[in-house]
Structures are given as C-alpha cells and as structure tokens.
Amino acid sequence: MFFENAVNLVARNLRDFLALFITLKELYVIERFKLYKSKSDFIKDYNENYLKDIDLRESELKYVVEGITAINDAYAYITDLRKQISIEIKE
C-alpha cells in the first residue's frame, strides 16, 4: 500500500467541506485536486469529467443544508487554504 501524503487538506472544517460539496456537487473532483497545476486544469477536468453526470442527476438531488452556502471559487479556496497552512507550518 502507498501511504505517502495520505491526507490532502481541502477544507478548514466540516462546514466548509459541505459548502464545497454544495458548490461542486461532486466529491471526486476534490480527491483529484493535487493533480491540478492551475485553475484552468481544474475547470477543464471538472467540465470534461464531471459536469455531464452532475447535470444528469441534478434533478434527483435535493440539497437541504440550512445555514451553509456555496463557496464561489472552490479552486481559490483550496489553494489559499493550502498556502496558509504551509506558511503556518514553516513558522
């Protein structure tokens, strides 16, 4: 088994993680986040590999999450979070 980098930081807390899910409507894209070199890579992968399936099941999904709103720019949120955590660890 391969355990190097077994944990990938994607959210500050559970509330933000749920907000990312509400925004993206797909968790697999978050799992693949480390593969993206840029926001355009992220958007391309999302559009090519997830958007069609999301659209197909959108009518079946009902999100009832009171008090949690979507994160407008998921890519920026995760990259900024990782930068902040990296700075805190180095200090």
PDB file of N, CA and C in Angstrom:
ATOM      1  N   MET A   1       0.841  -1.185   0.000  1.00  0.00           N
ATOM      2  CA  MET A   1       0.000   0.000   0.000  1.00  0.00           C
ATOM      3  C   MET A   1       0.879   1.239   0.000  1.00  0.00           C
ATOM      4  N   PHE A   2       0.358   2.288  -0.571  1.00  0.00           N
ATOM      5  CA  PHE A   2       1.072   3.547  -0.688  1.00  0.00           C
ATOM      6  C   PHE A   2       0.438   4.561   0.260  1.00  0.00           C
ATOM      7  N   PHE A   3       1.192   4.988   1.266  1.00  0.00           N
ATOM      8  CA  PHE A   3       0.626   5.886   2.268  1.00  0.00           C
ATOM      9  C   PHE A   3       1.226   7.281   2.253  1.00  0.00           C
ATOM     10  N   GLU A   4       2.154   7.555   1.361  1.00  0.00           N
ATOM     11  CA  GLU A   4       2.743   8.890   1.310  1.00  0.00           C
ATOM     12  C   GLU A   4       1.658   9.905   0.980  1.00  0.00           C
ATOM     13  N   ASN A   5       1.610  10.991   1.740  1.00  0.00           N
ATOM     14  CA  ASN A   5       0.603  12.044   1.546  1.00  0.00           C
ATOM     15  C   ASN A   5      -0.818  11.489   1.586  1.00  0.00           C
ATOM     16  N   ALA A   6      -1.082  10.665   2.564  1.00  0.00           N
ATOM     17  CA  ALA A   6      -2.401  10.035   2.674  1.00  0.00           C
ATOM     18  C   ALA A   6      -3.507  11.042   2.998  1.00  0.00           C
ATOM     19  N   VAL A   7      -3.145  12.192   3.548  1.00  0.00           N
ATOM     20  CA  VAL A   7      -4.122  13.211   3.895  1.00  0.00           C
ATOM     21  C   VAL A   7      -3.932  14.409   2.972  1.00  0.00           C
ATOM     22  N   ASN A   8      -5.016  14.835   2.359  1.00  0.00           N
ATOM     23  CA  ASN A   8      -4.985  16.008   1.492  1.00  0.00           C
ATOM     24  C   ASN A   8      -5.944  17.047   2.043  1.00  0.00           C
ATOM     25  N   LEU A   9      -5.417  18.172   2.435  1.00  0.00           N
ATOM     26  CA  LEU A   9      -6.212  19.240   3.015  1.00  0.00           C
ATOM     27  C   LEU A   9      -7.079  19.896   1.943  1.00  0.00           C
ATOM     28  N   VAL A  10      -8.380  19.937   2.173  1.00  0.00           N
ATOM     29  CA  VAL A  10      -9.290  20.572   1.222  1.00  0.00           C
ATOM     30  C   VAL A  10     -10.233  21.571   1.879  1.00  0.00           C
ATOM     31  N   ALA A  11     -10.356  21.543   3.200  1.00  0.00           N
ATOM     32  CA  ALA A  11     -11.266  22.470   3.868  1.00  0.00           C
ATOM     33  C   ALA A  11     -10.802  22.715   5.303  1.00  0.00           C
ATOM     34  N   ARG A  12     -11.136  23.883   5.815  1.00  0.00           N
ATOM     35  CA  ARG A  12     -10.777  24.238   7.194  1.00  0.00           C
ATOM     36  C   ARG A  12     -11.584  23.462   8.221  1.00  0.00           C
ATOM     37  N   ASN A  13     -12.813  23.126   7.856  1.00  0.00           N
ATOM     38  CA  ASN A  13     -13.716  22.469   8.799  1.00  0.00           C
ATOM     39  C   ASN A  13     -14.826  21.761   8.026  1.00  0.00           C
ATOM     40  N   LEU A  14     -15.672  21.069   8.733  1.00  0.00           N
ATOM     41  CA  LEU A  14     -16.755  20.311   8.105  1.00  0.00           C
ATOM     42  C   LEU A  14     -17.730  21.221   7.375  1.00  0.00           C
ATOM     43  N   ARG A  15     -18.021  22.361   7.943  1.00  0.00           N
ATOM     44  CA  ARG A  15     -18.944  23.314   7.307  1.00  0.00           C
ATOM     45  C   ARG A  15     -18.420  23.724   5.926  1.00  0.00           C
ATOM     46  N   ASP A  16     -17.123  24.051   5.830  1.00  0.00           N
ATOM     47  CA  ASP A  16     -16.540  24.435   4.541  1.00  0.00           C
ATOM     48  C   ASP A  16     -16.495  23.247   3.583  1.00  0.00           C
ATOM     49  N   PHE A  17     -16.254  22.056   4.107  1.00  0.00           N
ATOM     50  CA  PHE A  17     -16.262  20.862   3.260  1.00  0.00           C
ATOM     51  C   PHE A  17     -17.653  20.662   2.637  1.00  0.00           C
ATOM     52  N   LEU A  18     -18.687  20.829   3.440  1.00  0.00           N
ATOM     53  CA  LEU A  18     -20.049  20.718   2.920  1.00  0.00           C
ATOM     54  C   LEU A  18     -20.348  21.830   1.923  1.00  0.00           C
ATOM     55  N   ALA A  19     -19.824  23.018   2.173  1.00  0.00           N
ATOM     56  CA  ALA A  19     -20.009  24.128   1.233  1.00  0.00           C
ATOM     57  C   ALA A  19     -19.337  23.817  -0.103  1.00  0.00           C
ATOM     58  N   LEU A  20     -18.169  23.176  -0.057  1.00  0.00           N
ATOM     59  CA  LEU A  20     -17.516  22.763  -1.298  1.00  0.00           C
ATOM     60  C   LEU A  20     -18.362  21.742  -2.038  1.00  0.00           C
ATOM     61  N   PHE A  21     -18.933  20.810  -1.314  1.00  0.00           N
ATOM     62  CA  PHE A  21     -19.801  19.813  -1.947  1.00  0.00           C
ATOM     63  C   PHE A  21     -21.025  20.473  -2.585  1.00  0.00           C
ATOM     64  N   ILE A  22     -21.615  21.432  -1.900  1.00  0.00           N
ATOM     65  CA  ILE A  22     -22.764  22.149  -2.457  1.00  0.00           C
ATOM     66  C   ILE A  22     -22.348  22.889  -3.731  1.00  0.00           C
ATOM     67  N   THR A  23     -21.145  23.429  -3.730  1.00  0.00           N
ATOM     68  CA  THR A  23     -20.645  24.159  -4.895  1.00  0.00           C
ATOM     69  C   THR A  23     -20.359  23.232  -6.061  1.00  0.00           C
ATOM     70  N   LEU A  24     -19.599  22.180  -5.806  1.00  0.00           N
ATOM     71  CA  LEU A  24     -19.112  21.305  -6.875  1.00  0.00           C
ATOM     72  C   LEU A  24     -20.080  20.173  -7.228  1.00  0.00           C
ATOM     73  N   LYS A  25     -20.884  19.766  -6.260  1.00  0.00           N
ATOM     74  CA  LYS A  25     -21.843  18.657  -6.421  1.00  0.00           C
ATOM     75  C   LYS A  25     -21.155  17.343  -6.775  1.00  0.00           C
ATOM     76  N   GLU A  26     -19.887  17.247  -6.423  1.00  0.00           N
ATOM     77  CA  GLU A  26     -19.102  16.045  -6.712  1.00  0.00           C
ATOM     78  C   GLU A  26     -17.866  16.042  -5.809  1.00  0.00           C
ATOM     79  N   LEU A  27     -17.659  14.959  -5.089  1.00  0.00           N
ATOM     80  CA  LEU A  27     -16.503  14.878  -4.193  1.00  0.00           C
ATOM     81  C   LEU A  27     -15.247  14.349  -4.881  1.00  0.00           C
ATOM     82  N   TYR A  28     -15.393  13.600  -5.954  1.00  0.00           N
ATOM     83  CA  TYR A  28     -14.219  13.036  -6.619  1.00  0.00           C
ATOM     84  C   TYR A  28     -13.285  14.112  -7.161  1.00  0.00           C
ATOM     85  N   VAL A  29     -13.846  15.236  -7.566  1.00  0.00           N
ATOM     86  CA  VAL A  29     -13.008  16.322  -8.065  1.00  0.00           C
ATOM     87  C   VAL A  29     -12.103  16.856  -6.948  1.00  0.00           C
ATOM     88  N   ILE A  30     -12.576  16.823  -5.722  1.00  0.00           N
ATOM     89  CA  ILE A  30     -11.759  17.250  -4.581  1.00  0.00           C
ATOM     90  C   ILE A  30     -10.640  16.243  -4.347  1.00  0.00           C
ATOM     91  N   GLU A  31     -10.942  14.975  -4.490  1.00  0.00           N
ATOM     92  CA  GLU A  31      -9.928  13.933  -4.327  1.00  0.00           C
ATOM     93  C   GLU A  31      -8.796  14.099  -5.332  1.00  0.00           C
ATOM     94  N   ARG A  32      -9.103  14.548  -6.525  1.00  0.00           N
ATOM     95  CA  ARG A  32      -8.117  14.713  -7.592  1.00  0.00           C
ATOM     96  C   ARG A  32      -7.396  16.061  -7.546  1.00  0.00           C
ATOM     97  N   PHE A  33      -7.696  16.890  -6.569  1.00  0.00           N
ATOM     98  CA  PHE A  33      -7.220  18.269  -6.543  1.00  0.00           C
ATOM     99  C   PHE A  33      -5.705  18.393  -6.679  1.00  0.00           C
ATOM    100  N   LYS A  34      -4.963  17.477  -6.107  1.00  0.00           N
ATOM    101  CA  LYS A  34      -3.500  17.562  -6.152  1.00  0.00           C
ATOM    102  C   LYS A  34      -2.948  17.432  -7.572  1.00  0.00           C
ATOM    103  N   LEU A  35      -3.758  16.950  -8.505  1.00  0.00           N
ATOM    104  CA  LEU A  35      -3.321  16.778  -9.888  1.00  0.00           C
ATOM    105  C   LEU A  35      -3.367  18.071 -10.695  1.00  0.00           C
ATOM    106  N   TYR A  36      -4.090  19.071 -10.199  1.00  0.00           N
ATOM    107  CA  TYR A  36      -4.274  20.312 -10.950  1.00  0.00           C
ATOM    108  C   TYR A  36      -3.096  21.248 -10.744  1.00  0.00           C
ATOM    109  N   LYS A  37      -2.549  21.716 -11.843  1.00  0.00           N
ATOM    110  CA  LYS A  37      -1.436  22.672 -11.793  1.00  0.00           C
ATOM    111  C   LYS A  37      -1.928  24.107 -11.853  1.00  0.00           C
ATOM    112  N   SER A  38      -3.175  24.288 -12.303  1.00  0.00           N
ATOM    113  CA  SER A  38      -3.738  25.632 -12.435  1.00  0.00           C
ATOM    114  C   SER A  38      -5.259  25.559 -12.341  1.00  0.00           C
ATOM    115  N   LYS A  39      -5.850  26.728 -12.220  1.00  0.00           N
ATOM    116  CA  LYS A  39      -7.306  26.789 -12.164  1.00  0.00           C
ATOM    117  C   LYS A  39      -7.908  26.295 -13.477  1.00  0.00           C
ATOM    118  N   SER A  40      -7.244  26.575 -14.589  1.00  0.00           N
ATOM    119  CA  SER A  40      -7.765  26.113 -15.877  1.00  0.00           C
ATOM    120  C   SER A  40      -7.740  24.585 -15.971  1.00  0.00           C
ATOM    121  N   ASP A  41      -6.722  23.931 -15.383  1.00  0.00           N
ATOM    122  CA  ASP A  41      -6.700  22.463 -15.315  1.00  0.00           C
ATOM    123  C   ASP A  41      -7.900  21.948 -14.528  1.00  0.00           C
ATOM    124  N   PHE A  42      -8.159  22.609 -13.405  1.00  0.00           N
ATOM    125  CA  PHE A  42      -9.282  22.246 -12.546  1.00  0.00           C
ATOM    126  C   PHE A  42     -10.607  22.373 -13.302  1.00  0.00           C
ATOM    127  N   ILE A  43     -10.816  23.508 -13.948  1.00  0.00           N
ATOM    128  CA  ILE A  43     -12.061  23.757 -14.676  1.00  0.00           C
ATOM    129  C   ILE A  43     -12.211  22.779 -15.842  1.00  0.00           C
ATOM    130  N   LYS A  44     -11.141  22.539 -16.563  1.00  0.00           N
ATOM    131  CA  LYS A  44     -11.186  21.614 -17.699  1.00  0.00           C
ATOM    132  C   LYS A  44     -11.574  20.208 -17.231  1.00  0.00           C
ATOM    133  N   ASP A  45     -10.919  19.719 -16.196  1.00  0.00           N
ATOM    134  CA  ASP A  45     -11.222  18.382 -15.674  1.00  0.00           C
ATOM    135  C   ASP A  45     -12.668  18.313 -15.185  1.00  0.00           C
ATOM    136  N   TYR A  46     -13.087  19.323 -14.459  1.00  0.00           N
ATOM    137  CA  TYR A  46     -14.457  19.366 -13.940  1.00  0.00           C
ATOM    138  C   TYR A  46     -15.469  19.326 -15.089  1.00  0.00           C
ATOM    139  N   ASN A  47     -15.254  20.164 -16.087  1.00  0.00           N
ATOM    140  CA  ASN A  47     -16.188  20.231 -17.218  1.00  0.00           C
ATOM    141  C   ASN A  47     -16.186  18.951 -18.044  1.00  0.00           C
ATOM    142  N   GLU A  48     -15.009  18.366 -18.270  1.00  0.00           N
ATOM    143  CA  GLU A  48     -14.904  17.184 -19.124  1.00  0.00           C
ATOM    144  C   GLU A  48     -15.305  15.885 -18.428  1.00  0.00           C
ATOM    145  N   ASN A  49     -15.073  15.792 -17.129  1.00  0.00           N
ATOM    146  CA  ASN A  49     -15.261  14.513 -16.450  1.00  0.00           C
ATOM    147  C   ASN A  49     -16.402  14.449 -15.437  1.00  0.00           C
ATOM    148  N   TYR A  50     -16.957  15.573 -15.073  1.00  0.00           N
ATOM    149  CA  TYR A  50     -17.969  15.560 -14.013  1.00  0.00           C
ATOM    150  C   TYR A  50     -19.264  16.267 -14.380  1.00  0.00           C
ATOM    151  N   LEU A  51     -19.185  17.328 -15.125  1.00  0.00           N
ATOM    152  CA  LEU A  51     -20.345  18.187 -15.360  1.00  0.00           C
ATOM    153  C   LEU A  51     -21.521  17.452 -16.003  1.00  0.00           C
ATOM    154  N   LYS A  52     -21.261  16.605 -16.978  1.00  0.00           N
ATOM    155  CA  LYS A  52     -22.342  15.877 -17.653  1.00  0.00           C
ATOM    156  C   LYS A  52     -23.101  14.985 -16.670  1.00  0.00           C
ATOM    157  N   ASP A  53     -22.372  14.212 -15.855  1.00  0.00           N
ATOM    158  CA  ASP A  53     -23.022  13.345 -14.870  1.00  0.00           C
ATOM    159  C   ASP A  53     -23.775  14.145 -13.814  1.00  0.00           C
ATOM    160  N   ILE A  54     -23.207  15.269 -13.416  1.00  0.00           N
ATOM    161  CA  ILE A  54     -23.873  16.132 -12.437  1.00  0.00           C
ATOM    162  C   ILE A  54     -25.186  16.636 -13.011  1.00  0.00           C
ATOM    163  N   ASP A  55     -25.148  17.086 -14.262  1.00  0.00           N
ATOM    164  CA  ASP A  55     -26.370  17.581 -14.905  1.00  0.00           C
ATOM    165  C   ASP A  55     -27.431  16.491 -14.998  1.00  0.00           C
ATOM    166  N   LEU A  56     -27.004  15.260 -15.280  1.00  0.00           N
ATOM    167  CA  LEU A  56     -27.954  14.153 -15.403  1.00  0.00           C
ATOM    168  C   LEU A  56     -28.659  13.836 -14.087  1.00  0.00           C
ATOM    169  N   ARG A  57     -27.951  13.938 -12.999  1.00  0.00           N
ATOM    170  CA  ARG A  57     -28.567  13.586 -11.713  1.00  0.00           C
ATOM    171  C   ARG A  57     -29.028  14.800 -10.913  1.00  0.00           C
ATOM    172  N   GLU A  58     -28.855  15.993 -11.452  1.00  0.00           N
ATOM    173  CA  GLU A  58     -29.223  17.230 -10.751  1.00  0.00           C
ATOM    174  C   GLU A  58     -30.684  17.227 -10.314  1.00  0.00           C
ATOM    175  N   SER A  59     -31.568  16.754 -11.168  1.00  0.00           N
ATOM    176  CA  SER A  59     -32.989  16.761 -10.816  1.00  0.00           C
ATOM    177  C   SER A  59     -33.304  15.771  -9.701  1.00  0.00           C
ATOM    178  N   GLU A  60     -32.461  14.768  -9.523  1.00  0.00           N
ATOM    179  CA  GLU A  60     -32.680  13.767  -8.475  1.00  0.00           C
ATOM    180  C   GLU A  60     -32.162  14.229  -7.118  1.00  0.00           C
ATOM    181  N   LEU A  61     -31.210  15.156  -7.146  1.00  0.00           N
ATOM    182  CA  LEU A  61     -30.571  15.593  -5.910  1.00  0.00           C
ATOM    183  C   LEU A  61     -31.309  16.777  -5.314  1.00  0.00           C
ATOM    184  N   LYS A  62     -31.534  16.686  -4.054  1.00  0.00           N
ATOM    185  CA  LYS A  62     -32.138  17.786  -3.318  1.00  0.00           C
ATOM    186  C   LYS A  62     -31.208  18.106  -2.155  1.00  0.00           C
ATOM    187  N   TYR A  63     -30.648  19.282  -2.177  1.00  0.00           N
ATOM    188  CA  TYR A  63     -29.725  19.689  -1.122  1.00  0.00           C
ATOM    189  C   TYR A  63     -30.480  20.517  -0.088  1.00  0.00           C
ATOM    190  N   VAL A  64     -30.546  19.994   1.094  1.00  0.00           N
ATOM    191  CA  VAL A  64     -31.163  20.711   2.192  1.00  0.00           C
ATOM    192  C   VAL A  64     -30.097  20.861   3.268  1.00  0.00           C
ATOM    193  N   VAL A  65     -29.403  21.965   3.210  1.00  0.00           N
ATOM    194  CA  VAL A  65     -28.347  22.234   4.174  1.00  0.00           C
ATOM    195  C   VAL A  65     -28.561  23.661   4.667  1.00  0.00           C
ATOM    196  N   GLU A  66     -29.269  23.757   5.732  1.00  0.00           N
ATOM    197  CA  GLU A  66     -29.607  25.061   6.275  1.00  0.00           C
ATOM    198  C   GLU A  66     -28.371  25.741   6.857  1.00  0.00           C
ATOM    199  N   GLY A  67     -28.163  26.983   6.484  1.00  0.00           N
ATOM    200  CA  GLY A  67     -27.076  27.762   7.043  1.00  0.00           C
ATOM    201  C   GLY A  67     -25.732  27.566   6.365  1.00  0.00           C
ATOM    202  N   ILE A  68     -25.657  26.759   5.332  1.00  0.00           N
ATOM    203  CA  ILE A  68     -24.397  26.562   4.617  1.00  0.00           C
ATOM    204  C   ILE A  68     -24.595  27.031   3.183  1.00  0.00           C
ATOM    205  N   THR A  69     -23.721  27.923   2.741  1.00  0.00           N
ATOM    206  CA  THR A  69     -23.820  28.431   1.379  1.00  0.00           C
ATOM    207  C   THR A  69     -22.622  27.959   0.565  1.00  0.00           C
ATOM    208  N   ALA A  70     -22.791  27.954  -0.720  1.00  0.00           N
ATOM    209  CA  ALA A  70     -21.741  27.510  -1.633  1.00  0.00           C
ATOM    210  C   ALA A  70     -20.521  28.427  -1.545  1.00  0.00           C
ATOM    211  N   ILE A  71     -19.363  27.862  -1.852  1.00  0.00           N
ATOM    212  CA  ILE A  71     -18.131  28.634  -1.950  1.00  0.00           C
ATOM    213  C   ILE A  71     -17.978  29.014  -3.417  1.00  0.00           C
ATOM    214  N   ASN A  72     -17.940  30.295  -3.701  1.00  0.00           N
ATOM    215  CA  ASN A  72     -17.961  30.757  -5.092  1.00  0.00           C
ATOM    216  C   ASN A  72     -16.817  30.225  -5.934  1.00  0.00           C
ATOM    217  N   ASP A  73     -15.616  30.198  -5.405  1.00  0.00           N
ATOM    218  CA  ASP A  73     -14.446  29.762  -6.173  1.00  0.00           C
ATOM    219  C   ASP A  73     -13.732  28.653  -5.401  1.00  0.00           C
ATOM    220  N   ALA A  74     -14.128  27.420  -5.658  1.00  0.00           N
ATOM    221  CA  ALA A  74     -13.591  26.271  -4.928  1.00  0.00           C
ATOM    222  C   ALA A  74     -12.090  26.137  -5.120  1.00  0.00           C
ATOM    223  N   TYR A  75     -11.604  26.366  -6.323  1.00  0.00           N
ATOM    224  CA  TYR A  75     -10.167  26.244  -6.593  1.00  0.00           C
ATOM    225  C   TYR A  75      -9.376  27.250  -5.750  1.00  0.00           C
ATOM    226  N   ALA A  76      -9.796  28.497  -5.762  1.00  0.00           N
ATOM    227  CA  ALA A  76      -9.102  29.530  -4.981  1.00  0.00           C
ATOM    228  C   ALA A  76      -9.169  29.222  -3.488  1.00  0.00           C
ATOM    229  N   TYR A  77     -10.324  28.752  -3.014  1.00  0.00           N
ATOM    230  CA  TYR A  77     -10.465  28.421  -1.596  1.00  0.00           C
ATOM    231  C   TYR A  77      -9.428  27.374  -1.174  1.00  0.00           C
ATOM    232  N   ILE A  78      -9.335  26.284  -1.933  1.00  0.00           N
ATOM    233  CA  ILE A  78      -8.436  25.190  -1.551  1.00  0.00           C
ATOM    234  C   ILE A  78      -6.972  25.603  -1.694  1.00  0.00           C
ATOM    235  N   THR A  79      -6.613  26.291  -2.770  1.00  0.00           N
ATOM    236  CA  THR A  79      -5.212  26.690  -2.938  1.00  0.00           C
ATOM    237  C   THR A  79      -4.801  27.712  -1.879  1.00  0.00           C
ATOM    238  N   ASP A  80      -5.676  28.661  -1.557  1.00  0.00           N
ATOM    239  CA  ASP A  80      -5.366  29.633  -0.500  1.00  0.00           C
ATOM    240  C   ASP A  80      -5.228  28.950   0.853  1.00  0.00           C
ATOM    241  N   LEU A  81      -6.095  28.014   1.137  1.00  0.00           N
ATOM    242  CA  LEU A  81      -6.021  27.275   2.393  1.00  0.00           C
ATOM    243  C   LEU A  81      -4.690  26.542   2.509  1.00  0.00           C
ATOM    244  N   ARG A  82      -4.287  25.869   1.450  1.00  0.00           N
ATOM    245  CA  ARG A  82      -3.029  25.122   1.472  1.00  0.00           C
ATOM    246  C   ARG A  82      -1.830  26.047   1.624  1.00  0.00           C
ATOM    247  N   LYS A  83      -1.872  27.230   1.019  1.00  0.00           N
ATOM    248  CA  LYS A  83      -0.791  28.207   1.183  1.00  0.00           C
ATOM    249  C   LYS A  83      -0.722  28.673   2.632  1.00  0.00           C
ATOM    250  N   GLN A  84      -1.872  28.973   3.222  1.00  0.00           N
ATOM    251  CA  GLN A  84      -1.904  29.452   4.605  1.00  0.00           C
ATOM    252  C   GLN A  84      -1.382  28.395   5.557  1.00  0.00           C
ATOM    253  N   ILE A  85      -1.794  27.160   5.374  1.00  0.00           N
ATOM    254  CA  ILE A  85      -1.341  26.068   6.240  1.00  0.00           C
ATOM    255  C   ILE A  85       0.151  25.857   6.073  1.00  0.00           C
ATOM    256  N   SER A  86       0.654  25.947   4.848  1.00  0.00           N
ATOM    257  CA  SER A  86       2.073  25.777   4.576  1.00  0.00           C
ATOM    258  C   SER A  86       2.882  26.858   5.279  1.00  0.00           C
ATOM    259  N   ILE A  87       2.400  28.085   5.261  1.00  0.00           N
ATOM    260  CA  ILE A  87       3.079  29.206   5.931  1.00  0.00           C
ATOM    261  C   ILE A  87       3.086  28.969   7.440  1.00  0.00           C
ATOM    262  N   GLU A  88       1.967  28.543   8.004  1.00  0.00           N
ATOM    263  CA  GLU A  88       1.865  28.315   9.441  1.00  0.00           C
ATOM    264  C   GLU A  88       2.804  27.212   9.887  1.00  0.00           C
ATOM    265  N   ILE A  89       2.948  26.172   9.094  1.00  0.00           N
ATOM    266  CA  ILE A  89       3.828  25.047   9.457  1.00  0.00           C
ATOM    267  C   ILE A  89       5.281  25.488   9.431  1.00  0.00           C
ATOM    268  N   LYS A  90       5.675  26.328   8.462  1.00  0.00           N
ATOM    269  CA  LYS A  90       7.053  26.778   8.340  1.00  0.00           C
ATOM    270  C   LYS A  90       7.440  27.727   9.455  1.00  0.00           C
ATOM    271  N   GLU A  91       6.480  28.488   9.993  1.00  0.00           N
ATOM    272  CA  GLU A  91       6.793  29.488  11.033  1.00  0.00           C
ATOM    273  C   GLU A  91       7.088  28.882  12.350  1.00  0.00           C
TER     274      GLU A  91
END
